[in-house]
Amino acid sequence: GGNAAEACRPTLGLLGAHVREGLSRRDTAKVDRHMDGCADCRAVYAEL
């Protein structure tokens, strides 16, 4: 849709696997750090 900020795109690409706990520890920590400071990605994660 083009609405996602460029900085959010790598995280959005990993959220599906993150929901089902399919990420490595490193990627999980990376996604969690991003969501700590990003309300938009937290909202998408909650919906997923």
ModelCIF file with pLDDT and N, C-alpha, C, O atoms, coordinates in Angstrom:
data_MODEL
#
_entry.id   MODEL 
#
_entity.id                         1 
_entity.type                       polymer 
_entity.pdbx_number_of_molecules   1 
#
_entity_poly.entity_id                      1 
_entity_poly.type                           'polypeptide(L)' 
_entity_poly.nstd_linkage                   no 
_entity_poly.nstd_monomer                   no 
_entity_poly.pdbx_seq_one_letter_code       GGNAAEACRPTLGLLGAHVREGLSRRDTAKVDRHMDGCADCRAVYAEL 
_entity_poly.pdbx_seq_one_letter_code_can   GGNAAEACRPTLGLLGAHVREGLSRRDTAKVDRHMDGCADCRAVYAEL 
_entity_poly.pdbx_strand_id                 A 
#
loop_
_entity_poly_seq.entity_id 
_entity_poly_seq.num 
_entity_poly_seq.mon_id 
_entity_poly_seq.hetero 
1 1  GLY n 
1 2  GLY n 
1 3  ASN n 
1 4  ALA n 
1 5  ALA n 
1 6  GLU n 
1 7  ALA n 
1 8  CYS n 
1 9  ARG n 
1 10 PRO n 
1 11 THR n 
1 12 LEU n 
1 13 GLY n 
1 14 LEU n 
1 15 LEU n 
1 16 GLY n 
1 17 ALA n 
1 18 HIS n 
1 19 VAL n 
1 20 ARG n 
1 21 GLU n 
1 22 GLY n 
1 23 LEU n 
1 24 SER n 
1 25 ARG n 
1 26 ARG n 
1 27 ASP n 
1 28 THR n 
1 29 ALA n 
1 30 LYS n 
1 31 VAL n 
1 32 ASP n 
1 33 ARG n 
1 34 HIS n 
1 35 MET n 
1 36 ASP n 
1 37 GLY n 
1 38 CYS n 
1 39 ALA n 
1 40 ASP n 
1 41 CYS n 
1 42 ARG n 
1 43 ALA n 
1 44 VAL n 
1 45 TYR n 
1 46 ALA n 
1 47 GLU n 
1 48 LEU n 
#
_struct_asym.id          A 
_struct_asym.entity_id   1 
#
loop_
_ma_qa_metric.id 
_ma_qa_metric.mode 
_ma_qa_metric.name 
_ma_qa_metric.software_group_id 
_ma_qa_metric.type 
1 global pLDDT . pLDDT 
2 local  pLDDT . pLDDT 
#
_ma_qa_metric_global.metric_id      1 
_ma_qa_metric_global.metric_value   83.60 
_ma_qa_metric_global.model_id       1 
_ma_qa_metric_global.ordinal_id     1 
#
loop_
_ma_qa_metric_local.label_asym_id 
_ma_qa_metric_local.label_comp_id 
_ma_qa_metric_local.label_seq_id 
_ma_qa_metric_local.metric_id 
_ma_qa_metric_local.metric_value 
_ma_qa_metric_local.model_id 
_ma_qa_metric_local.ordinal_id 
A GLY 1  2 66.00 1 1  
A GLY 2  2 62.00 1 2  
A ASN 3  2 67.00 1 3  
A ALA 4  2 72.00 1 4  
A ALA 5  2 80.00 1 5  
A GLU 6  2 82.00 1 6  
A ALA 7  2 86.00 1 7  
A CYS 8  2 86.00 1 8  
A ARG 9  2 84.00 1 9  
A PRO 10 2 86.00 1 10 
A THR 11 2 86.00 1 11 
A LEU 12 2 82.00 1 12 
A GLY 13 2 82.00 1 13 
A LEU 14 2 85.00 1 14 
A LEU 15 2 84.00 1 15 
A GLY 16 2 80.00 1 16 
A ALA 17 2 82.00 1 17 
A HIS 18 2 84.00 1 18 
A VAL 19 2 80.00 1 19 
A ARG 20 2 76.00 1 20 
A GLU 21 2 80.00 1 21 
A GLY 22 2 81.00 1 22 
A LEU 23 2 86.00 1 23 
A SER 24 2 89.00 1 24 
A ARG 25 2 89.00 1 25 
A ARG 26 2 90.00 1 26 
A ASP 27 2 90.00 1 27 
A THR 28 2 90.00 1 28 
A ALA 29 2 91.00 1 29 
A LYS 30 2 90.00 1 30 
A VAL 31 2 89.00 1 31 
A ASP 32 2 91.00 1 32 
A ARG 33 2 91.00 1 33 
A HIS 34 2 91.00 1 34 
A MET 35 2 90.00 1 35 
A ASP 36 2 91.00 1 36 
A GLY 37 2 89.00 1 37 
A CYS 38 2 89.00 1 38 
A ALA 39 2 88.00 1 39 
A ASP 40 2 84.00 1 40 
A CYS 41 2 86.00 1 41 
A ARG 42 2 86.00 1 42 
A ALA 43 2 81.00 1 43 
A VAL 44 2 81.00 1 44 
A TYR 45 2 83.00 1 45 
A ALA 46 2 80.00 1 46 
A GLU 47 2 76.00 1 47 
A LEU 48 2 79.00 1 48 
#
loop_
_atom_site.group_PDB 
_atom_site.id 
_atom_site.type_symbol 
_atom_site.label_atom_id 
_atom_site.label_alt_id 
_atom_site.label_comp_id 
_atom_site.label_asym_id 
_atom_site.label_entity_id 
_atom_site.label_seq_id 
_atom_site.pdbx_PDB_ins_code 
_atom_site.Cartn_x 
_atom_site.Cartn_y 
_atom_site.Cartn_z 
_atom_site.occupancy 
_atom_site.B_iso_or_equiv 
_atom_site.pdbx_formal_charge 
_atom_site.auth_seq_id 
_atom_site.auth_comp_id 
_atom_site.auth_asym_id 
_atom_site.auth_atom_id 
_atom_site.pdbx_PDB_model_num 
ATOM 1   N N  . GLY A 1 1  ? 0.795  -1.224  0.000  1.00 66.00 ? 1  GLY A N  1 
ATOM 2   C CA . GLY A 1 1  ? 0.000  0.000   0.000  1.00 66.00 ? 1  GLY A CA 1 
ATOM 3   C C  . GLY A 1 1  ? 0.823  1.267   0.000  1.00 66.00 ? 1  GLY A C  1 
ATOM 4   O O  . GLY A 1 1  ? 0.301  2.346   -0.282 1.00 66.00 ? 1  GLY A O  1 
ATOM 5   N N  . GLY A 1 2  ? 2.097  1.156   0.310  1.00 62.00 ? 2  GLY A N  1 
ATOM 6   C CA . GLY A 1 2  ? 2.947  2.340   0.303  1.00 62.00 ? 2  GLY A CA 1 
ATOM 7   C C  . GLY A 1 2  ? 2.806  3.208   1.535  1.00 62.00 ? 2  GLY A C  1 
ATOM 8   O O  . GLY A 1 2  ? 3.426  4.268   1.613  1.00 62.00 ? 2  GLY A O  1 
ATOM 9   N N  . ASN A 1 3  ? 1.998  2.780   2.509  1.00 67.00 ? 3  ASN A N  1 
ATOM 10  C CA . ASN A 1 3  ? 1.794  3.578   3.712  1.00 67.00 ? 3  ASN A CA 1 
ATOM 11  C C  . ASN A 1 3  ? 2.836  3.291   4.788  1.00 67.00 ? 3  ASN A C  1 
ATOM 12  O O  . ASN A 1 3  ? 3.014  4.082   5.714  1.00 67.00 ? 3  ASN A O  1 
ATOM 13  N N  . ALA A 1 4  ? 3.518  2.167   4.664  1.00 72.00 ? 4  ALA A N  1 
ATOM 14  C CA . ALA A 1 4  ? 4.506  1.802   5.676  1.00 72.00 ? 4  ALA A CA 1 
ATOM 15  C C  . ALA A 1 4  ? 5.782  2.629   5.487  1.00 72.00 ? 4  ALA A C  1 
ATOM 16  O O  . ALA A 1 4  ? 6.277  2.799   4.373  1.00 72.00 ? 4  ALA A O  1 
ATOM 17  N N  . ALA A 1 5  ? 6.289  3.131   6.599  1.00 80.00 ? 5  ALA A N  1 
ATOM 18  C CA . ALA A 1 5  ? 7.544  3.882   6.549  1.00 80.00 ? 5  ALA A CA 1 
ATOM 19  C C  . ALA A 1 5  ? 8.677  2.949   6.143  1.00 80.00 ? 5  ALA A C  1 
ATOM 20  O O  . ALA A 1 5  ? 8.641  1.752   6.431  1.00 80.00 ? 5  ALA A O  1 
ATOM 21  N N  . GLU A 1 6  ? 9.662  3.495   5.484  1.00 82.00 ? 6  GLU A N  1 
ATOM 22  C CA . GLU A 1 6  ? 10.775 2.681   5.005  1.00 82.00 ? 6  GLU A CA 1 
ATOM 23  C C  . GLU A 1 6  ? 11.461 1.960   6.154  1.00 82.00 ? 6  GLU A C  1 
ATOM 24  O O  . GLU A 1 6  ? 11.897 0.818   6.006  1.00 82.00 ? 6  GLU A O  1 
ATOM 25  N N  . ALA A 1 7  ? 11.556 2.624   7.294  1.00 86.00 ? 7  ALA A N  1 
ATOM 26  C CA . ALA A 1 7  ? 12.222 2.007   8.442  1.00 86.00 ? 7  ALA A CA 1 
ATOM 27  C C  . ALA A 1 7  ? 11.413 0.839   9.006  1.00 86.00 ? 7  ALA A C  1 
ATOM 28  O O  . ALA A 1 7  ? 11.961 -0.011  9.708  1.00 86.00 ? 7  ALA A O  1 
ATOM 29  N N  . CYS A 1 8  ? 10.103 0.790   8.703  1.00 86.00 ? 8  CYS A N  1 
ATOM 30  C CA . CYS A 1 8  ? 9.241  -0.273  9.235  1.00 86.00 ? 8  CYS A CA 1 
ATOM 31  C C  . CYS A 1 8  ? 9.216  -1.515  8.353  1.00 86.00 ? 8  CYS A C  1 
ATOM 32  O O  . CYS A 1 8  ? 8.839  -2.592  8.815  1.00 86.00 ? 8  CYS A O  1 
ATOM 33  N N  . ARG A 1 9  ? 9.609  -1.381  7.102  1.00 84.00 ? 9  ARG A N  1 
ATOM 34  C CA . ARG A 1 9  ? 9.450  -2.486  6.158  1.00 84.00 ? 9  ARG A CA 1 
ATOM 35  C C  . ARG A 1 9  ? 10.182 -3.769  6.575  1.00 84.00 ? 9  ARG A C  1 
ATOM 36  O O  . ARG A 1 9  ? 9.600  -4.849  6.482  1.00 84.00 ? 9  ARG A O  1 
ATOM 37  N N  . PRO A 1 10 ? 11.440 -3.686  7.033  1.00 86.00 ? 10 PRO A N  1 
ATOM 38  C CA . PRO A 1 10 ? 12.097 -4.934  7.469  1.00 86.00 ? 10 PRO A CA 1 
ATOM 39  C C  . PRO A 1 10 ? 11.355 -5.618  8.619  1.00 86.00 ? 10 PRO A C  1 
ATOM 40  O O  . PRO A 1 10 ? 11.271 -6.845  8.663  1.00 86.00 ? 10 PRO A O  1 
ATOM 41  N N  . THR A 1 11 ? 10.819 -4.827  9.547  1.00 86.00 ? 11 THR A N  1 
ATOM 42  C CA . THR A 1 11 ? 10.085 -5.396  10.679 1.00 86.00 ? 11 THR A CA 1 
ATOM 43  C C  . THR A 1 11 ? 8.772  -6.001  10.228 1.00 86.00 ? 11 THR A C  1 
ATOM 44  O O  . THR A 1 11 ? 8.419  -7.097  10.664 1.00 86.00 ? 11 THR A O  1 
ATOM 45  N N  . LEU A 1 12 ? 8.036  -5.309  9.361  1.00 82.00 ? 12 LEU A N  1 
ATOM 46  C CA . LEU A 1 12 ? 6.759  -5.829  8.883  1.00 82.00 ? 12 LEU A CA 1 
ATOM 47  C C  . LEU A 1 12 ? 6.941  -7.168  8.182  1.00 82.00 ? 12 LEU A C  1 
ATOM 48  O O  . LEU A 1 12 ? 6.086  -8.049  8.270  1.00 82.00 ? 12 LEU A O  1 
ATOM 49  N N  . GLY A 1 13 ? 8.075  -7.312  7.480  1.00 82.00 ? 13 GLY A N  1 
ATOM 50  C CA . GLY A 1 13 ? 8.333  -8.565  6.792  1.00 82.00 ? 13 GLY A CA 1 
ATOM 51  C C  . GLY A 1 13 ? 8.569  -9.736  7.729  1.00 82.00 ? 13 GLY A C  1 
ATOM 52  O O  . GLY A 1 13 ? 8.482  -10.893 7.317  1.00 82.00 ? 13 GLY A O  1 
ATOM 53  N N  . LEU A 1 14 ? 8.868  -9.442  8.989  1.00 85.00 ? 14 LEU A N  1 
ATOM 54  C CA . LEU A 1 14 ? 9.150  -10.493 9.969  1.00 85.00 ? 14 LEU A CA 1 
ATOM 55  C C  . LEU A 1 14 ? 8.024  -10.727 10.967 1.00 85.00 ? 14 LEU A C  1 
ATOM 56  O O  . LEU A 1 14 ? 8.079  -11.673 11.753 1.00 85.00 ? 14 LEU A O  1 
ATOM 57  N N  . LEU A 1 15 ? 6.993  -9.864  10.942 1.00 84.00 ? 15 LEU A N  1 
ATOM 58  C CA . LEU A 1 15 ? 5.971  -9.942  11.974 1.00 84.00 ? 15 LEU A CA 1 
ATOM 59  C C  . LEU A 1 15 ? 5.164  -11.236 11.926 1.00 84.00 ? 15 LEU A C  1 
ATOM 60  O O  . LEU A 1 15 ? 4.783  -11.767 12.970 1.00 84.00 ? 15 LEU A O  1 
ATOM 61  N N  . GLY A 1 16 ? 4.903  -11.746 10.728 1.00 80.00 ? 16 GLY A N  1 
ATOM 62  C CA . GLY A 1 16 ? 4.145  -12.991 10.628 1.00 80.00 ? 16 GLY A CA 1 
ATOM 63  C C  . GLY A 1 16 ? 4.841  -14.127 11.346 1.00 80.00 ? 16 GLY A C  1 
ATOM 64  O O  . GLY A 1 16 ? 4.210  -14.868 12.099 1.00 80.00 ? 16 GLY A O  1 
ATOM 65  N N  . ALA A 1 17 ? 6.142  -14.271 11.118 1.00 82.00 ? 17 ALA A N  1 
ATOM 66  C CA . ALA A 1 17 ? 6.913  -15.316 11.801 1.00 82.00 ? 17 ALA A CA 1 
ATOM 67  C C  . ALA A 1 17 ? 7.028  -15.024 13.290 1.00 82.00 ? 17 ALA A C  1 
ATOM 68  O O  . ALA A 1 17 ? 7.063  -15.944 14.107 1.00 82.00 ? 17 ALA A O  1 
ATOM 69  N N  . HIS A 1 18 ? 7.087  -13.728 13.648 1.00 84.00 ? 18 HIS A N  1 
ATOM 70  C CA . HIS A 1 18 ? 7.210  -13.359 15.056 1.00 84.00 ? 18 HIS A CA 1 
ATOM 71  C C  . HIS A 1 18 ? 5.955  -13.764 15.830 1.00 84.00 ? 18 HIS A C  1 
ATOM 72  O O  . HIS A 1 18 ? 6.049  -14.204 16.976 1.00 84.00 ? 18 HIS A O  1 
ATOM 73  N N  . VAL A 1 19 ? 4.792  -13.618 15.214 1.00 80.00 ? 19 VAL A N  1 
ATOM 74  C CA . VAL A 1 19 ? 3.533  -13.974 15.876 1.00 80.00 ? 19 VAL A CA 1 
ATOM 75  C C  . VAL A 1 19 ? 3.516  -15.453 16.235 1.00 80.00 ? 19 VAL A C  1 
ATOM 76  O O  . VAL A 1 19 ? 3.059  -15.827 17.315 1.00 80.00 ? 19 VAL A O  1 
ATOM 77  N N  . ARG A 1 20 ? 4.006  -16.283 15.347 1.00 76.00 ? 20 ARG A N  1 
ATOM 78  C CA . ARG A 1 20 ? 3.993  -17.734 15.623 1.00 76.00 ? 20 ARG A CA 1 
ATOM 79  C C  . ARG A 1 20 ? 5.306  -18.209 16.251 1.00 76.00 ? 20 ARG A C  1 
ATOM 80  O O  . ARG A 1 20 ? 5.585  -19.407 16.291 1.00 76.00 ? 20 ARG A O  1 
ATOM 81  N N  . GLU A 1 21 ? 6.109  -17.259 16.740 1.00 80.00 ? 21 GLU A N  1 
ATOM 82  C CA . GLU A 1 21 ? 7.358  -17.550 17.453 1.00 80.00 ? 21 GLU A CA 1 
ATOM 83  C C  . GLU A 1 21 ? 8.303  -18.370 16.586 1.00 80.00 ? 21 GLU A C  1 
ATOM 84  O O  . GLU A 1 21 ? 8.913  -19.337 17.043 1.00 80.00 ? 21 GLU A O  1 
ATOM 85  N N  . GLY A 1 22 ? 8.410  -17.966 15.337 1.00 81.00 ? 22 GLY A N  1 
ATOM 86  C CA . GLY A 1 22 ? 9.261  -18.693 14.402 1.00 81.00 ? 22 GLY A CA 1 
ATOM 87  C C  . GLY A 1 22 ? 10.555 -17.989 14.050 1.00 81.00 ? 22 GLY A C  1 
ATOM 88  O O  . GLY A 1 22 ? 11.263 -18.418 13.139 1.00 81.00 ? 22 GLY A O  1 
ATOM 89  N N  . LEU A 1 23 ? 10.880 -16.908 14.762 1.00 86.00 ? 23 LEU A N  1 
ATOM 90  C CA . LEU A 1 23 ? 12.104 -16.169 14.481 1.00 86.00 ? 23 LEU A CA 1 
ATOM 91  C C  . LEU A 1 23 ? 13.258 -16.646 15.363 1.00 86.00 ? 23 LEU A C  1 
ATOM 92  O O  . LEU A 1 23 ? 13.053 -17.222 16.432 1.00 86.00 ? 23 LEU A O  1 
ATOM 93  N N  . SER A 1 24 ? 14.459 -16.391 14.889 1.00 89.00 ? 24 SER A N  1 
ATOM 94  C CA . SER A 1 24 ? 15.640 -16.651 15.719 1.00 89.00 ? 24 SER A CA 1 
ATOM 95  C C  . SER A 1 24 ? 15.675 -15.633 16.859 1.00 89.00 ? 24 SER A C  1 
ATOM 96  O O  . SER A 1 24 ? 14.973 -14.622 16.820 1.00 89.00 ? 24 SER A O  1 
ATOM 97  N N  . ARG A 1 25 ? 16.486 -15.906 17.861 1.00 89.00 ? 25 ARG A N  1 
ATOM 98  C CA . ARG A 1 25 ? 16.596 -14.967 18.988 1.00 89.00 ? 25 ARG A CA 1 
ATOM 99  C C  . ARG A 1 25 ? 17.056 -13.598 18.522 1.00 89.00 ? 25 ARG A C  1 
ATOM 100 O O  . ARG A 1 25 ? 16.573 -12.569 18.995 1.00 89.00 ? 25 ARG A O  1 
ATOM 101 N N  . ARG A 1 26 ? 17.986 -13.602 17.597 1.00 90.00 ? 26 ARG A N  1 
ATOM 102 C CA . ARG A 1 26 ? 18.521 -12.330 17.109 1.00 90.00 ? 26 ARG A CA 1 
ATOM 103 C C  . ARG A 1 26 ? 17.435 -11.512 16.420 1.00 90.00 ? 26 ARG A C  1 
ATOM 104 O O  . ARG A 1 26 ? 17.276 -10.324 16.699 1.00 90.00 ? 26 ARG A O  1 
ATOM 105 N N  . ASP A 1 27 ? 16.677 -12.159 15.506 1.00 90.00 ? 27 ASP A N  1 
ATOM 106 C CA . ASP A 1 27 ? 15.626 -11.433 14.799 1.00 90.00 ? 27 ASP A CA 1 
ATOM 107 C C  . ASP A 1 27 ? 14.485 -11.044 15.736 1.00 90.00 ? 27 ASP A C  1 
ATOM 108 O O  . ASP A 1 27 ? 13.878 -9.986  15.574 1.00 90.00 ? 27 ASP A O  1 
ATOM 109 N N  . THR A 1 28 ? 14.196 -11.894 16.709 1.00 90.00 ? 28 THR A N  1 
ATOM 110 C CA . THR A 1 28 ? 13.160 -11.554 17.678 1.00 90.00 ? 28 THR A CA 1 
ATOM 111 C C  . THR A 1 28 ? 13.539 -10.298 18.454 1.00 90.00 ? 28 THR A C  1 
ATOM 112 O O  . THR A 1 28 ? 12.713 -9.407  18.648 1.00 90.00 ? 28 THR A O  1 
ATOM 113 N N  . ALA A 1 29 ? 14.786 -10.233 18.891 1.00 91.00 ? 29 ALA A N  1 
ATOM 114 C CA . ALA A 1 29 ? 15.247 -9.056  19.629 1.00 91.00 ? 29 ALA A CA 1 
ATOM 115 C C  . ALA A 1 29 ? 15.203 -7.810  18.748 1.00 91.00 ? 29 ALA A C  1 
ATOM 116 O O  . ALA A 1 29 ? 14.864 -6.723  19.217 1.00 91.00 ? 29 ALA A O  1 
ATOM 117 N N  . LYS A 1 30 ? 15.548 -7.974  17.465 1.00 90.00 ? 30 LYS A N  1 
ATOM 118 C CA . LYS A 1 30 ? 15.537 -6.844  16.532 1.00 90.00 ? 30 LYS A CA 1 
ATOM 119 C C  . LYS A 1 30 ? 14.110 -6.304  16.348 1.00 90.00 ? 30 LYS A C  1 
ATOM 120 O O  . LYS A 1 30 ? 13.885 -5.094  16.374 1.00 90.00 ? 30 LYS A O  1 
ATOM 121 N N  . VAL A 1 31 ? 13.157 -7.218  16.163 1.00 89.00 ? 31 VAL A N  1 
ATOM 122 C CA . VAL A 1 31 ? 11.763 -6.811  15.969 1.00 89.00 ? 31 VAL A CA 1 
ATOM 123 C C  . VAL A 1 31 ? 11.224 -6.151  17.242 1.00 89.00 ? 31 VAL A C  1 
ATOM 124 O O  . VAL A 1 31 ? 10.547 -5.125  17.175 1.00 89.00 ? 31 VAL A O  1 
ATOM 125 N N  . ASP A 1 32 ? 11.528 -6.742  18.396 1.00 91.00 ? 32 ASP A N  1 
ATOM 126 C CA . ASP A 1 32 ? 11.042 -6.174  19.657 1.00 91.00 ? 32 ASP A CA 1 
ATOM 127 C C  . ASP A 1 32 ? 11.595 -4.779  19.890 1.00 91.00 ? 32 ASP A C  1 
ATOM 128 O O  . ASP A 1 32 ? 10.868 -3.902  20.356 1.00 91.00 ? 32 ASP A O  1 
ATOM 129 N N  . ARG A 1 33 ? 12.868 -4.554  19.576 1.00 91.00 ? 33 ARG A N  1 
ATOM 130 C CA . ARG A 1 33 ? 13.455 -3.223  19.750 1.00 91.00 ? 33 ARG A CA 1 
ATOM 131 C C  . ARG A 1 33 ? 12.744 -2.210  18.865 1.00 91.00 ? 33 ARG A C  1 
ATOM 132 O O  . ARG A 1 33 ? 12.455 -1.093  19.297 1.00 91.00 ? 33 ARG A O  1 
ATOM 133 N N  . HIS A 1 34 ? 12.464 -2.600  17.634 1.00 91.00 ? 34 HIS A N  1 
ATOM 134 C CA . HIS A 1 34 ? 11.781 -1.675  16.731 1.00 91.00 ? 34 HIS A CA 1 
ATOM 135 C C  . HIS A 1 34 ? 10.382 -1.344  17.247 1.00 91.00 ? 34 HIS A C  1 
ATOM 136 O O  . HIS A 1 34 ? 9.971  -0.184  17.251 1.00 91.00 ? 34 HIS A O  1 
ATOM 137 N N  . MET A 1 35 ? 9.652  -2.378  17.684 1.00 90.00 ? 35 MET A N  1 
ATOM 138 C CA . MET A 1 35 ? 8.280  -2.137  18.138 1.00 90.00 ? 35 MET A CA 1 
ATOM 139 C C  . MET A 1 35 ? 8.237  -1.322  19.422 1.00 90.00 ? 35 MET A C  1 
ATOM 140 O O  . MET A 1 35 ? 7.248  -0.636  19.679 1.00 90.00 ? 35 MET A O  1 
ATOM 141 N N  . ASP A 1 36 ? 9.284  -1.383  20.227 1.00 91.00 ? 36 ASP A N  1 
ATOM 142 C CA . ASP A 1 36 ? 9.328  -0.573  21.446 1.00 91.00 ? 36 ASP A CA 1 
ATOM 143 C C  . ASP A 1 36 ? 9.175  0.908   21.130 1.00 91.00 ? 36 ASP A C  1 
ATOM 144 O O  . ASP A 1 36 ? 8.620  1.666   21.924 1.00 91.00 ? 36 ASP A O  1 
ATOM 145 N N  . GLY A 1 37 ? 9.672  1.317   19.961 1.00 89.00 ? 37 GLY A N  1 
ATOM 146 C CA . GLY A 1 37 ? 9.603  2.733   19.608 1.00 89.00 ? 37 GLY A CA 1 
ATOM 147 C C  . GLY A 1 37 ? 8.689  3.031   18.438 1.00 89.00 ? 37 GLY A C  1 
ATOM 148 O O  . GLY A 1 37 ? 8.711  4.144   17.913 1.00 89.00 ? 37 GLY A O  1 
ATOM 149 N N  . CYS A 1 38 ? 7.878  2.057   18.011 1.00 89.00 ? 38 CYS A N  1 
ATOM 150 C CA . CYS A 1 38 ? 7.043  2.263   16.823 1.00 89.00 ? 38 CYS A CA 1 
ATOM 151 C C  . CYS A 1 38 ? 5.608  1.822   17.112 1.00 89.00 ? 38 CYS A C  1 
ATOM 152 O O  . CYS A 1 38 ? 5.314  0.628   17.157 1.00 89.00 ? 38 CYS A O  1 
ATOM 153 N N  . ALA A 1 39 ? 4.725  2.791   17.304 1.00 88.00 ? 39 ALA A N  1 
ATOM 154 C CA . ALA A 1 39 ? 3.328  2.490   17.597 1.00 88.00 ? 39 ALA A CA 1 
ATOM 155 C C  . ALA A 1 39 ? 2.626  1.843   16.407 1.00 88.00 ? 39 ALA A C  1 
ATOM 156 O O  . ALA A 1 39 ? 1.752  0.995   16.590 1.00 88.00 ? 39 ALA A O  1 
ATOM 157 N N  . ASP A 1 40 ? 2.999  2.234   15.192 1.00 84.00 ? 40 ASP A N  1 
ATOM 158 C CA . ASP A 1 40 ? 2.354  1.674   13.996 1.00 84.00 ? 40 ASP A CA 1 
ATOM 159 C C  . ASP A 1 40 ? 2.601  0.171   13.887 1.00 84.00 ? 40 ASP A C  1 
ATOM 160 O O  . ASP A 1 40 ? 1.668  -0.593  13.637 1.00 84.00 ? 40 ASP A O  1 
ATOM 161 N N  . CYS A 1 41 ? 3.830  -0.251  14.070 1.00 86.00 ? 41 CYS A N  1 
ATOM 162 C CA . CYS A 1 41 ? 4.150  -1.677  13.986 1.00 86.00 ? 41 CYS A CA 1 
ATOM 163 C C  . CYS A 1 41 ? 3.551  -2.453  15.149 1.00 86.00 ? 41 CYS A C  1 
ATOM 164 O O  . CYS A 1 41 ? 3.176  -3.616  14.993 1.00 86.00 ? 41 CYS A O  1 
ATOM 165 N N  . ARG A 1 42 ? 3.458  -1.819  16.314 1.00 86.00 ? 42 ARG A N  1 
ATOM 166 C CA . ARG A 1 42 ? 2.799  -2.487  17.450 1.00 86.00 ? 42 ARG A CA 1 
ATOM 167 C C  . ARG A 1 42 ? 1.331  -2.727  17.126 1.00 86.00 ? 42 ARG A C  1 
ATOM 168 O O  . ARG A 1 42 ? 0.780  -3.767  17.487 1.00 86.00 ? 42 ARG A O  1 
ATOM 169 N N  . ALA A 1 43 ? 0.694  -1.778  16.450 1.00 81.00 ? 43 ALA A N  1 
ATOM 170 C CA . ALA A 1 43 ? -0.718 -1.936  16.093 1.00 81.00 ? 43 ALA A CA 1 
ATOM 171 C C  . ALA A 1 43 ? -0.902 -3.077  15.097 1.00 81.00 ? 43 ALA A C  1 
ATOM 172 O O  . ALA A 1 43 ? -1.836 -3.870  15.215 1.00 81.00 ? 43 ALA A O  1 
ATOM 173 N N  . VAL A 1 44 ? -0.001 -3.154  14.113 1.00 81.00 ? 44 VAL A N  1 
ATOM 174 C CA . VAL A 1 44 ? -0.081 -4.237  13.134 1.00 81.00 ? 44 VAL A CA 1 
ATOM 175 C C  . VAL A 1 44 ? 0.135  -5.575  13.829 1.00 81.00 ? 44 VAL A C  1 
ATOM 176 O O  . VAL A 1 44 ? -0.562 -6.548  13.541 1.00 81.00 ? 44 VAL A O  1 
ATOM 177 N N  . TYR A 1 45 ? 1.096  -5.625  14.738 1.00 83.00 ? 45 TYR A N  1 
ATOM 178 C CA . TYR A 1 45 ? 1.378  -6.860  15.475 1.00 83.00 ? 45 TYR A CA 1 
ATOM 179 C C  . TYR A 1 45 ? 0.156  -7.303  16.286 1.00 83.00 ? 45 TYR A C  1 
ATOM 180 O O  . TYR A 1 45 ? -0.173 -8.488  16.329 1.00 83.00 ? 45 TYR A O  1 
ATOM 181 N N  . ALA A 1 46 ? -0.510 -6.338  16.927 1.00 80.00 ? 46 ALA A N  1 
ATOM 182 C CA . ALA A 1 46 ? -1.701 -6.668  17.716 1.00 80.00 ? 46 ALA A CA 1 
ATOM 183 C C  . ALA A 1 46 ? -2.798 -7.239  16.829 1.00 80.00 ? 46 ALA A C  1 
ATOM 184 O O  . ALA A 1 46 ? -3.492 -8.177  17.218 1.00 80.00 ? 46 ALA A O  1 
ATOM 185 N N  . GLU A 1 47 ? -2.952 -6.673  15.639 1.00 76.00 ? 47 GLU A N  1 
ATOM 186 C CA . GLU A 1 47 ? -3.974 -7.175  14.719 1.00 76.00 ? 47 GLU A CA 1 
ATOM 187 C C  . GLU A 1 47 ? -3.645 -8.582  14.239 1.00 76.00 ? 47 GLU A C  1 
ATOM 188 O O  . GLU A 1 47 ? -4.535 -9.420  14.091 1.00 76.00 ? 47 GLU A O  1 
ATOM 189 N N  . LEU A 1 48 ? -2.370 -8.835  13.999 1.00 79.00 ? 48 LEU A N  1 
ATOM 190 C CA . LEU A 1 48 ? -1.969 -10.164 13.554 1.00 79.00 ? 48 LEU A CA 1 
ATOM 191 C C  . LEU A 1 48 ? -2.146 -11.195 14.659 1.00 79.00 ? 48 LEU A C  1 
ATOM 192 O O  . LEU A 1 48 ? -1.856 -12.374 14.456 1.00 79.00 ? 48 LEU A O  1 
#
